[in-house]
C-alpha cells in the first residue's frame, strides 16, 4: 500500500469528524447518523489512518538509514 492511501484514509476520517461536529453543534440528525455516531466513526477511521502512516514510515528503508546516522 502506498502512503498516499493512508493519508486519504486519515483525511476521510477528518471530514467525517467535521461533519459529526457540525451535526452535534446544530443538533441535527441525518437518518441514522447523529453527531455522536459520526464522531465515533470518524475517530476510528482517523486512528486506522494514523496507524497505517506510522507503519509505512517505520517500514521504509530510508527511514531506517536516517535513524542509523
N, C-alpha and C. Protein backbone atom coordinates (compact mmCIF):
# COMPACT_ATOMS: atom_id res chain seq x y z
N UNK A 1 0.84 -1.17 0.00
CA UNK A 1 0.00 0.00 0.00
C UNK A 1 0.88 1.24 0.00
N UNK A 2 0.49 2.22 -0.76
CA UNK A 2 1.24 3.46 -0.83
C UNK A 2 0.84 4.36 0.34
N UNK A 3 1.74 5.25 0.68
CA UNK A 3 1.49 6.15 1.80
C UNK A 3 0.33 7.10 1.51
N UNK A 4 0.13 7.43 0.24
CA UNK A 4 -0.95 8.37 -0.07
C UNK A 4 -2.32 7.81 0.28
N UNK A 5 -2.48 6.49 0.21
CA UNK A 5 -3.76 5.90 0.57
C UNK A 5 -4.01 5.99 2.08
N UNK A 6 -2.96 5.87 2.86
CA UNK A 6 -3.10 6.03 4.31
C UNK A 6 -3.47 7.47 4.64
N UNK A 7 -2.91 8.41 3.91
CA UNK A 7 -3.26 9.82 4.12
C UNK A 7 -4.70 10.07 3.71
N UNK A 8 -5.14 9.44 2.61
CA UNK A 8 -6.54 9.58 2.19
C UNK A 8 -7.48 9.05 3.26
N UNK A 9 -7.14 7.91 3.85
CA UNK A 9 -7.98 7.33 4.91
C UNK A 9 -8.06 8.28 6.09
N UNK A 10 -6.92 8.86 6.47
CA UNK A 10 -6.92 9.83 7.57
C UNK A 10 -7.78 11.04 7.23
N UNK A 11 -7.67 11.55 6.01
CA UNK A 11 -8.46 12.73 5.62
C UNK A 11 -9.95 12.43 5.56
N UNK A 12 -10.32 11.24 5.14
CA UNK A 12 -11.74 10.85 5.14
C UNK A 12 -12.27 10.84 6.57
N UNK A 13 -11.48 10.29 7.50
CA UNK A 13 -11.86 10.31 8.91
C UNK A 13 -11.99 11.72 9.44
N UNK A 14 -11.09 12.60 9.00
CA UNK A 14 -11.14 14.00 9.42
C UNK A 14 -12.42 14.67 8.93
N UNK A 15 -12.79 14.41 7.68
CA UNK A 15 -14.02 15.00 7.14
C UNK A 15 -15.26 14.46 7.85
N UNK A 16 -15.27 13.19 8.17
CA UNK A 16 -16.40 12.62 8.91
C UNK A 16 -16.48 13.25 10.30
N UNK A 17 -15.32 13.49 10.91
CA UNK A 17 -15.29 14.16 12.22
C UNK A 17 -15.86 15.58 12.12
N UNK A 18 -15.48 16.30 11.08
CA UNK A 18 -16.00 17.66 10.90
C UNK A 18 -17.51 17.64 10.70
N UNK A 19 -18.00 16.69 9.92
CA UNK A 19 -19.44 16.55 9.70
C UNK A 19 -20.15 16.21 11.01
N UNK A 20 -19.56 15.32 11.80
CA UNK A 20 -20.13 14.95 13.09
C UNK A 20 -20.15 16.12 14.06
N UNK A 21 -19.10 16.95 14.04
CA UNK A 21 -19.07 18.13 14.91
C UNK A 21 -20.15 19.11 14.49
N UNK A 22 -20.33 19.27 13.18
CA UNK A 22 -21.39 20.16 12.70
C UNK A 22 -22.77 19.64 13.11
N UNK A 23 -22.98 18.32 12.99
CA UNK A 23 -24.25 17.74 13.43
C UNK A 23 -24.46 17.94 14.92
N UNK A 24 -23.40 17.80 15.68
CA UNK A 24 -23.50 17.94 17.14
C UNK A 24 -23.81 19.39 17.53
N UNK A 25 -23.17 20.34 16.87
CA UNK A 25 -23.38 21.75 17.19
C UNK A 25 -24.81 22.18 16.84
N UNK A 26 -25.29 21.72 15.68
CA UNK A 26 -26.62 22.15 15.22
C UNK A 26 -27.75 21.25 15.73
N UNK A 27 -27.42 20.17 16.42
CA UNK A 27 -28.41 19.22 16.96
C UNK A 27 -29.28 18.62 15.86
N UNK A 28 -28.66 18.33 14.72
CA UNK A 28 -29.36 17.73 13.59
C UNK A 28 -28.99 16.25 13.53
N UNK A 29 -29.96 15.44 13.12
CA UNK A 29 -29.70 14.02 12.89
C UNK A 29 -30.09 13.70 11.46
N UNK A 30 -29.16 13.15 10.69
CA UNK A 30 -29.42 12.82 9.29
C UNK A 30 -29.59 11.31 9.21
N UNK A 31 -30.83 10.87 9.19
CA UNK A 31 -31.11 9.44 9.16
C UNK A 31 -30.57 8.79 10.43
N UNK A 32 -29.80 7.70 10.27
CA UNK A 32 -29.24 7.05 11.46
C UNK A 32 -27.98 7.73 11.98
N UNK A 33 -27.52 8.75 11.28
CA UNK A 33 -26.26 9.41 11.67
C UNK A 33 -26.53 10.61 12.55
N UNK A 34 -26.15 10.48 13.81
CA UNK A 34 -26.19 11.62 14.71
C UNK A 34 -24.76 12.12 14.87
N UNK A 35 -24.60 13.19 15.61
CA UNK A 35 -23.27 13.73 15.83
C UNK A 35 -22.35 12.76 16.53
N UNK A 36 -22.88 12.05 17.53
CA UNK A 36 -22.05 11.10 18.28
C UNK A 36 -21.56 9.95 17.40
N UNK A 37 -22.44 9.42 16.56
CA UNK A 37 -22.07 8.30 15.69
C UNK A 37 -21.00 8.74 14.70
N UNK A 38 -21.18 9.91 14.10
CA UNK A 38 -20.20 10.39 13.12
C UNK A 38 -18.85 10.68 13.78
N UNK A 39 -18.87 11.24 14.98
CA UNK A 39 -17.61 11.50 15.68
C UNK A 39 -16.89 10.20 16.01
N UNK A 40 -17.64 9.19 16.42
CA UNK A 40 -17.03 7.90 16.75
C UNK A 40 -16.45 7.23 15.51
N UNK A 41 -17.22 7.18 14.43
CA UNK A 41 -16.75 6.56 13.19
C UNK A 41 -15.55 7.32 12.64
N UNK A 42 -15.62 8.64 12.65
CA UNK A 42 -14.51 9.45 12.15
C UNK A 42 -13.25 9.25 12.96
N UNK A 43 -13.38 9.15 14.27
CA UNK A 43 -12.21 8.94 15.12
C UNK A 43 -11.57 7.57 14.88
N UNK A 44 -12.40 6.56 14.67
CA UNK A 44 -11.87 5.22 14.39
C UNK A 44 -11.14 5.21 13.05
N UNK A 45 -11.73 5.84 12.04
CA UNK A 45 -11.09 5.89 10.72
C UNK A 45 -9.78 6.68 10.79
N UNK A 46 -9.77 7.79 11.53
CA UNK A 46 -8.54 8.56 11.70
C UNK A 46 -7.47 7.73 12.40
N UNK A 47 -7.85 6.96 13.40
CA UNK A 47 -6.90 6.12 14.11
C UNK A 47 -6.29 5.08 13.18
N UNK A 48 -7.10 4.47 12.35
CA UNK A 48 -6.60 3.49 11.39
C UNK A 48 -5.63 4.16 10.42
N UNK A 49 -5.98 5.36 9.96
CA UNK A 49 -5.10 6.10 9.06
C UNK A 49 -3.76 6.43 9.70
N UNK A 50 -3.77 6.86 10.96
CA UNK A 50 -2.53 7.18 11.67
C UNK A 50 -1.68 5.92 11.84
N UNK A 51 -2.31 4.80 12.20
CA UNK A 51 -1.57 3.55 12.37
C UNK A 51 -0.93 3.13 11.06
N UNK A 52 -1.66 3.27 9.95
CA UNK A 52 -1.10 2.92 8.65
C UNK A 52 0.06 3.83 8.27
N UNK A 53 -0.06 5.12 8.56
CA UNK A 53 1.03 6.06 8.26
C UNK A 53 2.27 5.71 9.08
N UNK A 54 2.09 5.44 10.37
CA UNK A 54 3.22 5.09 11.23
C UNK A 54 3.87 3.79 10.74
N UNK A 55 3.06 2.80 10.38
CA UNK A 55 3.59 1.55 9.87
C UNK A 55 4.40 1.78 8.59
N UNK A 56 3.86 2.60 7.70
CA UNK A 56 4.54 2.88 6.44
C UNK A 56 5.87 3.60 6.68
N UNK A 57 5.89 4.54 7.60
CA UNK A 57 7.12 5.27 7.89
C UNK A 57 8.16 4.34 8.52
N UNK A 58 7.74 3.51 9.45
CA UNK A 58 8.69 2.65 10.15
C UNK A 58 9.23 1.51 9.28
N UNK A 59 8.49 1.11 8.26
CA UNK A 59 8.96 0.04 7.39
C UNK A 59 9.71 0.55 6.17
N UNK A 60 9.84 1.85 6.04
CA UNK A 60 10.55 2.44 4.92
C UNK A 60 12.06 2.31 5.15
N UNK A 61 12.80 1.86 4.14
CA UNK A 61 14.24 1.65 4.27
C UNK A 61 14.98 2.96 4.50
N UNK A 62 14.57 4.03 3.86
CA UNK A 62 15.25 5.31 4.04
C UNK A 62 15.10 5.82 5.47
N UNK A 63 13.99 5.51 6.10
CA UNK A 63 13.80 5.91 7.50
C UNK A 63 14.77 5.17 8.39
N UNK A 64 14.99 3.90 8.11
CA UNK A 64 15.94 3.13 8.91
C UNK A 64 17.36 3.66 8.72
N UNK A 65 17.71 4.03 7.51
CA UNK A 65 19.04 4.63 7.26
C UNK A 65 19.18 5.95 8.00
N UNK A 66 18.13 6.73 8.05
CA UNK A 66 18.16 8.01 8.75
C UNK A 66 18.38 7.81 10.25
N UNK A 67 17.76 6.80 10.82
CA UNK A 67 17.91 6.55 12.25
C UNK A 67 19.31 6.04 12.59
N UNK A 68 19.96 5.37 11.64
CA UNK A 68 21.31 4.84 11.89
C UNK A 68 22.41 5.87 11.74
N UNK A 69 22.12 7.04 11.20
CA UNK A 69 23.15 8.07 11.02
C UNK A 69 23.46 8.76 12.31
